[in-house]
Amino acid sequence: MFFTAAKIRFLHQKNFISTNYAFSNEKKPMERFWYTKVQINQRQIINCKIMAIEKRNKPSKLVIVVISVLVLMIIIYFILGMFLPDLFQFQNTPAGR
């Protein structure tokens, strides 16, 4: 089992610890808690009892790509409109200019 971007609250030696990044490589389902090995801050690996897992809903990659492309198109349009105003006024400009 692999948790990413999840807030995991677990019990270790009667202390509650909260961490944002926990990597679990072993799951033993017991009644309602799991005993698992959790790696904290990429250093110490301890056995702990997970008490609660709060998963964050991350937007899908497609939504992020679509929104970023739209924002980039709008920004490019405004930059071109500011620096190259003649591009958008070909029909309205007199022939002498």
Protein backbone atom coordinates (compact mmCIF):
# COMPACT_ATOMS: atom_id res chain seq x y z
CA MET A 1 0.00 0.00 0.00
CA PHE A 2 1.32 3.40 -0.92
CA PHE A 3 0.06 6.70 0.44
CA THR A 4 0.90 9.95 -1.27
CA ALA A 5 -0.46 13.40 -0.51
CA ALA A 6 -2.35 11.99 2.41
CA LYS A 7 -2.28 13.25 5.94
CA ILE A 8 -1.71 10.21 8.11
CA ARG A 9 -2.12 10.31 11.83
CA PHE A 10 -0.63 7.39 13.64
CA LEU A 11 0.19 6.19 17.08
CA HIS A 12 3.78 5.48 17.99
CA GLN A 13 4.74 4.72 21.59
CA LYS A 14 1.64 6.47 22.96
CA ASN A 15 2.36 9.65 20.97
CA PHE A 16 0.24 10.91 18.14
CA ILE A 17 2.31 11.96 15.16
CA SER A 18 0.97 13.63 12.03
CA THR A 19 2.90 13.56 8.82
CA ASN A 20 2.13 14.61 5.29
CA TYR A 21 4.31 12.05 3.57
CA ALA A 22 4.14 8.46 4.71
CA PHE A 23 5.24 5.48 2.71
CA SER A 24 3.78 2.18 3.76
CA ASN A 25 5.19 -1.07 2.49
CA GLU A 26 3.41 -3.51 4.76
CA LYS A 27 -0.26 -3.79 5.66
CA LYS A 28 -1.69 -6.07 8.31
CA PRO A 29 -5.39 -5.42 8.75
CA MET A 30 -6.30 -5.76 12.40
CA GLU A 31 -9.85 -5.02 13.50
CA ARG A 32 -9.92 -1.35 12.51
CA PHE A 33 -6.27 -0.28 12.61
CA TRP A 34 -3.25 -1.21 10.57
CA TYR A 35 0.20 -1.80 11.89
CA THR A 36 2.56 -0.61 9.26
CA LYS A 37 6.08 0.57 8.68
CA VAL A 38 6.09 4.30 8.05
CA GLN A 39 9.02 6.32 6.84
CA ILE A 40 9.20 9.83 8.28
CA ASN A 41 11.22 12.58 6.60
CA GLN A 42 13.04 9.93 4.53
CA ARG A 43 15.06 8.92 7.58
CA GLN A 44 13.61 6.79 10.31
CA ILE A 45 11.34 3.84 9.69
CA ILE A 46 9.13 2.89 12.60
CA ASN A 47 6.31 0.48 13.23
CA CYS A 48 3.16 2.32 14.07
CA LYS A 49 -0.57 2.00 14.30
CA ILE A 50 -2.40 4.19 11.80
CA MET A 51 -5.31 5.97 13.45
CA ALA A 52 -6.77 8.09 10.67
CA ILE A 53 -6.05 8.78 7.05
CA GLU A 54 -7.24 12.06 5.57
CA LYS A 55 -6.87 11.86 1.83
CA ARG A 56 -6.76 15.04 -0.18
CA ASN A 57 -8.60 15.12 -3.46
CA LYS A 58 -6.13 16.12 -6.11
CA PRO A 59 -7.44 17.34 -9.45
CA SER A 60 -6.70 15.08 -12.37
CA LYS A 61 -3.83 15.86 -14.69
CA LEU A 62 -6.17 16.51 -17.61
CA VAL A 63 -7.93 19.32 -15.74
CA ILE A 64 -4.59 20.89 -14.83
CA VAL A 65 -3.35 20.71 -18.44
CA VAL A 66 -6.55 22.21 -19.88
CA ILE A 67 -6.62 25.09 -17.38
CA SER A 68 -2.92 25.86 -17.85
CA VAL A 69 -3.27 25.87 -21.66
CA LEU A 70 -6.24 28.25 -21.45
CA VAL A 71 -4.36 30.58 -19.11
CA LEU A 72 -1.31 30.55 -21.38
CA MET A 73 -3.45 31.35 -24.43
CA ILE A 74 -5.08 34.30 -22.65
CA ILE A 75 -1.70 35.63 -21.47
CA ILE A 76 -0.19 35.33 -24.96
CA TYR A 77 -3.21 37.07 -26.48
CA PHE A 78 -2.88 40.02 -24.10
CA ILE A 79 0.88 40.29 -24.61
CA LEU A 80 0.44 40.31 -28.39
CA GLY A 81 -2.35 42.86 -28.04
CA MET A 82 -0.14 45.17 -26.00
CA PHE A 83 3.07 44.95 -28.02
CA LEU A 84 1.77 44.29 -31.52
CA PRO A 85 -1.54 46.13 -31.81
CA ASP A 86 -1.28 46.27 -35.60
CA LEU A 87 -1.81 42.53 -35.84
CA PHE A 88 -5.42 42.89 -34.74
CA GLN A 89 -6.26 45.99 -36.81
CA PHE A 90 -5.41 45.08 -40.39
CA GLN A 91 -8.88 45.85 -41.72
CA ASN A 92 -9.28 49.12 -39.84
CA THR A 93 -5.96 50.75 -40.70
CA PRO A 94 -5.65 53.07 -43.71
CA ALA A 95 -3.47 51.86 -46.54
CA GLY A 96 -0.90 54.63 -46.06
CA ARG A 97 0.24 53.47 -42.63
